[in-house]
Amino acid sequence: MNPKAKPDDRLGTTSLLDYAEDIENEIRKLDAKPIIMGHSMGGLLAQILGSRGLARALVLLTPAAPAGIRSLTPSVMRSFLRIQLQ
């Protein structure tokens, strides 16, 4: 692929559930359930796949919050501020 090429137009309409479906299709080809590891958006994908019974175990590293779940609360902001001011 040419990194300077225009991105595929379908990229703008690809949803998180589209990604999950693609990964699920690959997992179903395996002989055994995998351990799924994900960070941020990958962590959210891992949770979706785990909820579908597709994983032996999950390793979640600061997974993104699903739509509608408020993750930036005053207590979280205070925690980050303390770390940044040290």
PDB file of N, CA and C in Angstrom:
ATOM      1  N   MET A   1       0.826  -1.193   0.000  1.00  0.00           N
ATOM      2  CA  MET A   1       0.000   0.000   0.000  1.00  0.00           C
ATOM      3  C   MET A   1       0.869   1.254   0.000  1.00  0.00           C
ATOM      4  N   ASN A   2       0.410   2.224  -0.692  1.00  0.00           N
ATOM      5  CA  ASN A   2       1.087   3.509  -0.735  1.00  0.00           C
ATOM      6  C   ASN A   2       0.585   4.373   0.425  1.00  0.00           C
ATOM      7  N   PRO A   3       1.445   4.755   1.375  1.00  0.00           N
ATOM      8  CA  PRO A   3       0.984   5.552   2.518  1.00  0.00           C
ATOM      9  C   PRO A   3       0.478   6.934   2.124  1.00  0.00           C
ATOM     10  N   LYS A   4       0.813   7.384   0.917  1.00  0.00           N
ATOM     11  CA  LYS A   4       0.352   8.699   0.454  1.00  0.00           C
ATOM     12  C   LYS A   4      -0.955   8.615  -0.334  1.00  0.00           C
ATOM     13  N   ALA A   5      -1.416   7.408  -0.573  1.00  0.00           N
ATOM     14  CA  ALA A   5      -2.653   7.214  -1.326  1.00  0.00           C
ATOM     15  C   ALA A   5      -3.859   7.647  -0.490  1.00  0.00           C
ATOM     16  N   LYS A   6      -4.922   8.022  -1.178  1.00  0.00           N
ATOM     17  CA  LYS A   6      -6.174   8.390  -0.515  1.00  0.00           C
ATOM     18  C   LYS A   6      -6.739   7.158   0.209  1.00  0.00           C
ATOM     19  N   PRO A   7      -7.183   7.321   1.474  1.00  0.00           N
ATOM     20  CA  PRO A   7      -7.757   6.175   2.197  1.00  0.00           C
ATOM     21  C   PRO A   7      -9.014   5.650   1.501  1.00  0.00           C
ATOM     22  N   ASP A   8      -9.278   4.396   1.698  1.00  0.00           N
ATOM     23  CA  ASP A   8     -10.481   3.763   1.165  1.00  0.00           C
ATOM     24  C   ASP A   8     -11.703   4.489   1.732  1.00  0.00           C
ATOM     25  N   ASP A   9     -12.656   4.845   0.882  1.00  0.00           N
ATOM     26  CA  ASP A   9     -13.858   5.569   1.311  1.00  0.00           C
ATOM     27  C   ASP A   9     -14.677   4.795   2.337  1.00  0.00           C
ATOM     28  N   ARG A  10     -14.579   3.476   2.321  1.00  0.00           N
ATOM     29  CA  ARG A  10     -15.350   2.665   3.279  1.00  0.00           C
ATOM     30  C   ARG A  10     -14.865   2.841   4.706  1.00  0.00           C
ATOM     31  N   LEU A  11     -13.643   3.347   4.874  1.00  0.00           N
ATOM     32  CA  LEU A  11     -13.085   3.515   6.215  1.00  0.00           C
ATOM     33  C   LEU A  11     -13.950   4.431   7.077  1.00  0.00           C
ATOM     34  N   GLY A  12     -14.520   5.454   6.471  1.00  0.00           N
ATOM     35  CA  GLY A  12     -15.363   6.391   7.217  1.00  0.00           C
ATOM     36  C   GLY A  12     -16.681   5.819   7.680  1.00  0.00           C
ATOM     37  N   THR A  13     -17.071   4.682   7.138  1.00  0.00           N
ATOM     38  CA  THR A  13     -18.352   4.080   7.534  1.00  0.00           C
ATOM     39  C   THR A  13     -18.168   2.760   8.269  1.00  0.00           C
ATOM     40  N   THR A  14     -16.923   2.416   8.592  1.00  0.00           N
ATOM     41  CA  THR A  14     -16.636   1.173   9.311  1.00  0.00           C
ATOM     42  C   THR A  14     -16.885   1.389  10.800  1.00  0.00           C
ATOM     43  N   SER A  15     -17.704   0.542  11.389  1.00  0.00           N
ATOM     44  CA  SER A  15     -18.036   0.693  12.810  1.00  0.00           C
ATOM     45  C   SER A  15     -17.201  -0.257  13.662  1.00  0.00           C
ATOM     46  N   LEU A  16     -17.254  -0.043  14.951  1.00  0.00           N
ATOM     47  CA  LEU A  16     -16.571  -0.925  15.891  1.00  0.00           C
ATOM     48  C   LEU A  16     -17.096  -2.352  15.768  1.00  0.00           C
ATOM     49  N   LEU A  17     -18.393  -2.479  15.549  1.00  0.00           N
ATOM     50  CA  LEU A  17     -18.978  -3.814  15.405  1.00  0.00           C
ATOM     51  C   LEU A  17     -18.535  -4.487  14.105  1.00  0.00           C
ATOM     52  N   ASP A  18     -18.211  -3.680  13.073  1.00  0.00           N
ATOM     53  CA  ASP A  18     -17.635  -4.251  11.849  1.00  0.00           C
ATOM     54  C   ASP A  18     -16.273  -4.881  12.152  1.00  0.00           C
ATOM     55  N   TYR A  19     -15.448  -4.147  12.920  1.00  0.00           N
ATOM     56  CA  TYR A  19     -14.153  -4.693  13.328  1.00  0.00           C
ATOM     57  C   TYR A  19     -14.342  -5.977  14.137  1.00  0.00           C
ATOM     58  N   ALA A  20     -15.285  -5.936  15.084  1.00  0.00           N
ATOM     59  CA  ALA A  20     -15.531  -7.108  15.930  1.00  0.00           C
ATOM     60  C   ALA A  20     -15.963  -8.304  15.086  1.00  0.00           C
ATOM     61  N   GLU A  21     -16.795  -8.063  14.082  1.00  0.00           N
ATOM     62  CA  GLU A  21     -17.256  -9.158  13.219  1.00  0.00           C
ATOM     63  C   GLU A  21     -16.084  -9.767  12.444  1.00  0.00           C
ATOM     64  N   ASP A  22     -15.205  -8.911  11.928  1.00  0.00           N
ATOM     65  CA  ASP A  22     -14.036  -9.426  11.200  1.00  0.00           C
ATOM     66  C   ASP A  22     -13.150 -10.271  12.106  1.00  0.00           C
ATOM     67  N   ILE A  23     -12.913  -9.797  13.322  1.00  0.00           N
ATOM     68  CA  ILE A  23     -12.072 -10.550  14.255  1.00  0.00           C
ATOM     69  C   ILE A  23     -12.763 -11.852  14.663  1.00  0.00           C
ATOM     70  N   GLU A  24     -14.072 -11.771  14.900  1.00  0.00           N
ATOM     71  CA  GLU A  24     -14.825 -12.985  15.260  1.00  0.00           C
ATOM     72  C   GLU A  24     -14.695 -14.043  14.172  1.00  0.00           C
ATOM     73  N   ASN A  25     -14.789 -13.630  12.909  1.00  0.00           N
ATOM     74  CA  ASN A  25     -14.659 -14.585  11.805  1.00  0.00           C
ATOM     75  C   ASN A  25     -13.297 -15.272  11.822  1.00  0.00           C
ATOM     76  N   GLU A  26     -12.254 -14.546  12.158  1.00  0.00           N
ATOM     77  CA  GLU A  26     -10.914 -15.136  12.231  1.00  0.00           C
ATOM     78  C   GLU A  26     -10.782 -16.059  13.440  1.00  0.00           C
ATOM     79  N   ILE A  27     -11.350 -15.654  14.570  1.00  0.00           N
ATOM     80  CA  ILE A  27     -11.287 -16.488  15.780  1.00  0.00           C
ATOM     81  C   ILE A  27     -11.992 -17.822  15.554  1.00  0.00           C
ATOM     82  N   ARG A  28     -13.103 -17.800  14.859  1.00  0.00           N
ATOM     83  CA  ARG A  28     -13.869 -19.037  14.625  1.00  0.00           C
ATOM     84  C   ARG A  28     -13.105 -20.036  13.765  1.00  0.00           C
ATOM     85  N   LYS A  29     -12.055 -19.596  13.088  1.00  0.00           N
ATOM     86  CA  LYS A  29     -11.217 -20.499  12.286  1.00  0.00           C
ATOM     87  C   LYS A  29     -10.171 -21.224  13.144  1.00  0.00           C
ATOM     88  N   LEU A  30      -9.980 -20.780  14.387  1.00  0.00           N
ATOM     89  CA  LEU A  30      -8.969 -21.365  15.266  1.00  0.00           C
ATOM     90  C   LEU A  30      -9.453 -22.675  15.878  1.00  0.00           C
ATOM     91  N   ASP A  31      -8.509 -23.502  16.298  1.00  0.00           N
ATOM     92  CA  ASP A  31      -8.845 -24.777  16.942  1.00  0.00           C
ATOM     93  C   ASP A  31      -9.263 -24.601  18.400  1.00  0.00           C
ATOM     94  N   ALA A  32      -8.828 -23.518  19.016  1.00  0.00           N
ATOM     95  CA  ALA A  32      -9.141 -23.278  20.431  1.00  0.00           C
ATOM     96  C   ALA A  32      -9.402 -21.783  20.634  1.00  0.00           C
ATOM     97  N   LYS A  33     -10.132 -21.477  21.693  1.00  0.00           N
ATOM     98  CA  LYS A  33     -10.388 -20.075  22.009  1.00  0.00           C
ATOM     99  C   LYS A  33      -9.077 -19.398  22.417  1.00  0.00           C
ATOM    100  N   PRO A  34      -8.821 -18.211  21.891  1.00  0.00           N
ATOM    101  CA  PRO A  34      -7.580 -17.519  22.229  1.00  0.00           C
ATOM    102  C   PRO A  34      -7.701 -16.685  23.489  1.00  0.00           C
ATOM    103  N   ILE A  35      -6.565 -16.267  24.003  1.00  0.00           N
ATOM    104  CA  ILE A  35      -6.511 -15.206  25.003  1.00  0.00           C
ATOM    105  C   ILE A  35      -6.443 -13.923  24.193  1.00  0.00           C
ATOM    106  N   ILE A  36      -7.376 -13.030  24.424  1.00  0.00           N
ATOM    107  CA  ILE A  36      -7.440 -11.793  23.644  1.00  0.00           C
ATOM    108  C   ILE A  36      -6.927 -10.645  24.505  1.00  0.00           C
ATOM    109  N   MET A  37      -5.993  -9.902  23.947  1.00  0.00           N
ATOM    110  CA  MET A  37      -5.413  -8.756  24.640  1.00  0.00           C
ATOM    111  C   MET A  37      -5.741  -7.498  23.845  1.00  0.00           C
ATOM    112  N   GLY A  38      -6.120  -6.437  24.547  1.00  0.00           N
ATOM    113  CA  GLY A  38      -6.413  -5.199  23.851  1.00  0.00           C
ATOM    114  C   GLY A  38      -6.166  -3.982  24.708  1.00  0.00           C
ATOM    115  N   HIS A  39      -5.747  -2.913  24.046  1.00  0.00           N
ATOM    116  CA  HIS A  39      -5.513  -1.624  24.701  1.00  0.00           C
ATOM    117  C   HIS A  39      -6.401  -0.578  24.043  1.00  0.00           C
ATOM    118  N   SER A  40      -7.019   0.270  24.833  1.00  0.00           N
ATOM    119  CA  SER A  40      -7.860   1.355  24.351  1.00  0.00           C
ATOM    120  C   SER A  40      -8.994   0.785  23.494  1.00  0.00           C
ATOM    121  N   MET A  41      -9.083   1.172  22.217  1.00  0.00           N
ATOM    122  CA  MET A  41     -10.154   0.640  21.373  1.00  0.00           C
ATOM    123  C   MET A  41     -10.052  -0.880  21.259  1.00  0.00           C
ATOM    124  N   GLY A  42      -8.826  -1.392  21.229  1.00  0.00           N
ATOM    125  CA  GLY A  42      -8.639  -2.844  21.184  1.00  0.00           C
ATOM    126  C   GLY A  42      -9.168  -3.520  22.440  1.00  0.00           C
ATOM    127  N   GLY A  43      -9.086  -2.833  23.578  1.00  0.00           N
ATOM    128  CA  GLY A  43      -9.642  -3.365  24.815  1.00  0.00           C
ATOM    129  C   GLY A  43     -11.155  -3.450  24.762  1.00  0.00           C
ATOM    130  N   LEU A  44     -11.758  -2.437  24.146  1.00  0.00           N
ATOM    131  CA  LEU A  44     -13.211  -2.470  23.978  1.00  0.00           C
ATOM    132  C   LEU A  44     -13.608  -3.591  23.023  1.00  0.00           C
ATOM    133  N   LEU A  45     -12.846  -3.755  21.949  1.00  0.00           N
ATOM    134  CA  LEU A  45     -13.101  -4.876  21.027  1.00  0.00           C
ATOM    135  C   LEU A  45     -12.949  -6.217  21.750  1.00  0.00           C
ATOM    136  N   ALA A  46     -11.928  -6.340  22.573  1.00  0.00           N
ATOM    137  CA  ALA A  46     -11.723  -7.576  23.324  1.00  0.00           C
ATOM    138  C   ALA A  46     -12.924  -7.865  24.224  1.00  0.00           C
ATOM    139  N   GLN A  47     -13.469  -6.838  24.862  1.00  0.00           N
ATOM    140  CA  GLN A  47     -14.641  -7.035  25.715  1.00  0.00           C
ATOM    141  C   GLN A  47     -15.844  -7.493  24.903  1.00  0.00           C
ATOM    142  N   ILE A  48     -16.028  -6.915  23.731  1.00  0.00           N
ATOM    143  CA  ILE A  48     -17.138  -7.327  22.862  1.00  0.00           C
ATOM    144  C   ILE A  48     -16.983  -8.792  22.492  1.00  0.00           C
ATOM    145  N   LEU A  49     -15.776  -9.174  22.078  1.00  0.00           N
ATOM    146  CA  LEU A  49     -15.535 -10.563  21.684  1.00  0.00           C
ATOM    147  C   LEU A  49     -15.672 -11.508  22.872  1.00  0.00           C
ATOM    148  N   GLY A  50     -15.190 -11.083  24.040  1.00  0.00           N
ATOM    149  CA  GLY A  50     -15.334 -11.892  25.246  1.00  0.00           C
ATOM    150  C   GLY A  50     -16.795 -12.093  25.622  1.00  0.00           C
ATOM    151  N   SER A  51     -17.603 -11.046  25.438  1.00  0.00           N
ATOM    152  CA  SER A  51     -19.027 -11.167  25.770  1.00  0.00           C
ATOM    153  C   SER A  51     -19.751 -12.124  24.839  1.00  0.00           C
ATOM    154  N   ARG A  52     -19.154 -12.384  23.686  1.00  0.00           N
ATOM    155  CA  ARG A  52     -19.708 -13.346  22.728  1.00  0.00           C
ATOM    156  C   ARG A  52     -19.194 -14.761  22.975  1.00  0.00           C
ATOM    157  N   GLY A  53     -18.415 -14.939  24.042  1.00  0.00           N
ATOM    158  CA  GLY A  53     -17.909 -16.263  24.395  1.00  0.00           C
ATOM    159  C   GLY A  53     -16.786 -16.747  23.495  1.00  0.00           C
ATOM    160  N   LEU A  54     -16.033 -15.815  22.900  1.00  0.00           N
ATOM    161  CA  LEU A  54     -15.010 -16.190  21.931  1.00  0.00           C
ATOM    162  C   LEU A  54     -13.604 -16.248  22.508  1.00  0.00           C
ATOM    163  N   ALA A  55     -13.444 -15.970  23.789  1.00  0.00           N
ATOM    164  CA  ALA A  55     -12.100 -15.912  24.373  1.00  0.00           C
ATOM    165  C   ALA A  55     -11.970 -16.860  25.551  1.00  0.00           C
ATOM    166  N   ARG A  56     -10.767 -17.411  25.684  1.00  0.00           N
ATOM    167  CA  ARG A  56     -10.448 -18.208  26.877  1.00  0.00           C
ATOM    168  C   ARG A  56     -10.235 -17.276  28.048  1.00  0.00           C
ATOM    169  N   ALA A  57      -9.621 -16.117  27.763  1.00  0.00           N
ATOM    170  CA  ALA A  57      -9.380 -15.088  28.779  1.00  0.00           C
ATOM    171  C   ALA A  57      -9.170 -13.761  28.061  1.00  0.00           C
ATOM    172  N   LEU A  58      -9.309 -12.674  28.815  1.00  0.00           N
ATOM    173  CA  LEU A  58      -9.085 -11.329  28.289  1.00  0.00           C
ATOM    174  C   LEU A  58      -8.000 -10.647  29.090  1.00  0.00           C
ATOM    175  N   VAL A  59      -7.173  -9.868  28.412  1.00  0.00           N
ATOM    176  CA  VAL A  59      -6.213  -8.980  29.056  1.00  0.00           C
ATOM    177  C   VAL A  59      -6.559  -7.588  28.555  1.00  0.00           C
ATOM    178  N   LEU A  60      -7.059  -6.746  29.453  1.00  0.00           N
ATOM    179  CA  LEU A  60      -7.555  -5.424  29.069  1.00  0.00           C
ATOM    180  C   LEU A  60      -6.651  -4.348  29.654  1.00  0.00           C
ATOM    181  N   LEU A  61      -6.082  -3.530  28.789  1.00  0.00           N
ATOM    182  CA  LEU A  61      -5.196  -2.441  29.208  1.00  0.00           C
ATOM    183  C   LEU A  61      -5.883  -1.121  28.903  1.00  0.00           C
ATOM    184  N   THR A  62      -6.403  -0.486  29.922  1.00  0.00           N
ATOM    185  CA  THR A  62      -7.166   0.762  29.805  1.00  0.00           C
ATOM    186  C   THR A  62      -8.108   0.756  28.601  1.00  0.00           C
ATOM    187  N   PRO A  63      -9.100  -0.137  28.609  1.00  0.00           N
ATOM    188  CA  PRO A  63     -10.029  -0.190  27.479  1.00  0.00           C
ATOM    189  C   PRO A  63     -10.837   1.102  27.369  1.00  0.00           C
ATOM    190  N   ALA A  64     -11.151   1.468  26.141  1.00  0.00           N
ATOM    191  CA  ALA A  64     -11.986   2.632  25.891  1.00  0.00           C
ATOM    192  C   ALA A  64     -13.394   2.357  26.420  1.00  0.00           C
ATOM    193  N   ALA A  65     -14.049   3.406  26.848  1.00  0.00           N
ATOM    194  CA  ALA A  65     -15.431   3.266  27.306  1.00  0.00           C
ATOM    195  C   ALA A  65     -16.366   3.193  26.106  1.00  0.00           C
ATOM    196  N   PRO A  66     -17.405   2.372  26.194  1.00  0.00           N
ATOM    197  CA  PRO A  66     -18.371   2.330  25.093  1.00  0.00           C
ATOM    198  C   PRO A  66     -19.139   3.639  24.994  1.00  0.00           C
ATOM    199  N   ALA A  67     -19.735   3.877  23.838  1.00  0.00           N
ATOM    200  CA  ALA A  67     -20.528   5.090  23.623  1.00  0.00           C
ATOM    201  C   ALA A  67     -21.591   5.208  24.712  1.00  0.00           C
ATOM    202  N   GLY A  68     -21.740   6.393  25.226  1.00  0.00           N
ATOM    203  CA  GLY A  68     -22.757   6.645  26.246  1.00  0.00           C
ATOM    204  C   GLY A  68     -22.265   6.475  27.669  1.00  0.00           C
ATOM    205  N   ILE A  69     -21.073   5.936  27.861  1.00  0.00           N
ATOM    206  CA  ILE A  69     -20.501   5.762  29.191  1.00  0.00           C
ATOM    207  C   ILE A  69     -19.508   6.892  29.422  1.00  0.00           C
ATOM    208  N   ARG A  70     -19.758   7.688  30.414  1.00  0.00           N
ATOM    209  CA  ARG A  70     -18.900   8.824  30.711  1.00  0.00           C
ATOM    210  C   ARG A  70     -17.683   8.340  31.499  1.00  0.00           C
ATOM    211  N   SER A  71     -16.511   8.486  30.904  1.00  0.00           N
ATOM    212  CA  SER A  71     -15.315   7.978  31.568  1.00  0.00           C
ATOM    213  C   SER A  71     -14.441   9.084  32.147  1.00  0.00           C
ATOM    214  N   LEU A  72     -14.647  10.312  31.712  1.00  0.00           N
ATOM    215  CA  LEU A  72     -13.843  11.413  32.222  1.00  0.00           C
ATOM    216  C   LEU A  72     -14.639  12.110  33.321  1.00  0.00           C
ATOM    217  N   THR A  73     -14.497  11.606  34.527  1.00  0.00           N
ATOM    218  CA  THR A  73     -15.227  12.139  35.677  1.00  0.00           C
ATOM    219  C   THR A  73     -14.309  13.079  36.460  1.00  0.00           C
ATOM    220  N   PRO A  74     -14.865  13.883  37.356  1.00  0.00           N
ATOM    221  CA  PRO A  74     -14.012  14.771  38.163  1.00  0.00           C
ATOM    222  C   PRO A  74     -12.924  14.012  38.934  1.00  0.00           C
ATOM    223  N   SER A  75     -13.226  12.840  39.453  1.00  0.00           N
ATOM    224  CA  SER A  75     -12.208  12.087  40.205  1.00  0.00           C
ATOM    225  C   SER A  75     -11.072  11.622  39.293  1.00  0.00           C
ATOM    226  N   VAL A  76     -11.399  11.243  38.069  1.00  0.00           N
ATOM    227  CA  VAL A  76     -10.365  10.843  37.114  1.00  0.00           C
ATOM    228  C   VAL A  76      -9.492  12.042  36.759  1.00  0.00           C
ATOM    229  N   MET A  77     -10.119  13.196  36.529  1.00  0.00           N
ATOM    230  CA  MET A  77      -9.360  14.408  36.203  1.00  0.00           C
ATOM    231  C   MET A  77      -8.428  14.802  37.352  1.00  0.00           C
ATOM    232  N   ARG A  78      -8.896  14.684  38.608  1.00  0.00           N
ATOM    233  CA  ARG A  78      -8.045  14.986  39.767  1.00  0.00           C
ATOM    234  C   ARG A  78      -6.848  14.043  39.826  1.00  0.00           C
ATOM    235  N   SER A  79      -7.082  12.758  39.539  1.00  0.00           N
ATOM    236  CA  SER A  79      -5.991  11.776  39.550  1.00  0.00           C
ATOM    237  C   SER A  79      -4.943  12.122  38.514  1.00  0.00           C
ATOM    238  N   PHE A  80      -5.375  12.445  37.304  1.00  0.00           N
ATOM    239  CA  PHE A  80      -4.427  12.806  36.250  1.00  0.00           C
ATOM    240  C   PHE A  80      -3.704  14.094  36.579  1.00  0.00           C
ATOM    241  N   LEU A  81      -4.392  15.043  37.152  1.00  0.00           N
ATOM    242  CA  LEU A  81      -3.758  16.327  37.503  1.00  0.00           C
ATOM    243  C   LEU A  81      -2.653  16.117  38.524  1.00  0.00           C
ATOM    244  N   ARG A  82      -2.902  15.287  39.532  1.00  0.00           N
ATOM    245  CA  ARG A  82      -1.871  15.013  40.540  1.00  0.00           C
ATOM    246  C   ARG A  82      -0.620  14.410  39.913  1.00  0.00           C
ATOM    247  N   ILE A  83      -0.815  13.502  38.970  1.00  0.00           N
ATOM    248  CA  ILE A  83       0.312  12.858  38.302  1.00  0.00           C
ATOM    249  C   ILE A  83       1.078  13.888  37.459  1.00  0.00           C
ATOM    250  N   GLN A  84       0.370  14.733  36.757  1.00  0.00           N
ATOM    251  CA  GLN A  84       0.999  15.712  35.875  1.00  0.00           C
ATOM    252  C   GLN A  84       1.759  16.783  36.653  1.00  0.00           C
ATOM    253  N   LEU A  85       1.332  17.078  37.872  1.00  0.00           N
ATOM    254  CA  LEU A  85       1.968  18.134  38.656  1.00  0.00           C
ATOM    255  C   LEU A  85       3.162  17.646  39.457  1.00  0.00           C
ATOM    256  N   GLN A  86       3.444  16.372  39.450  1.00  0.00           N
ATOM    257  CA  GLN A  86       4.580  15.831  40.221  1.00  0.00           C
ATOM    258  C   GLN A  86       5.894  16.094  39.529  1.00  0.00           C
TER     259      GLN A  86
END
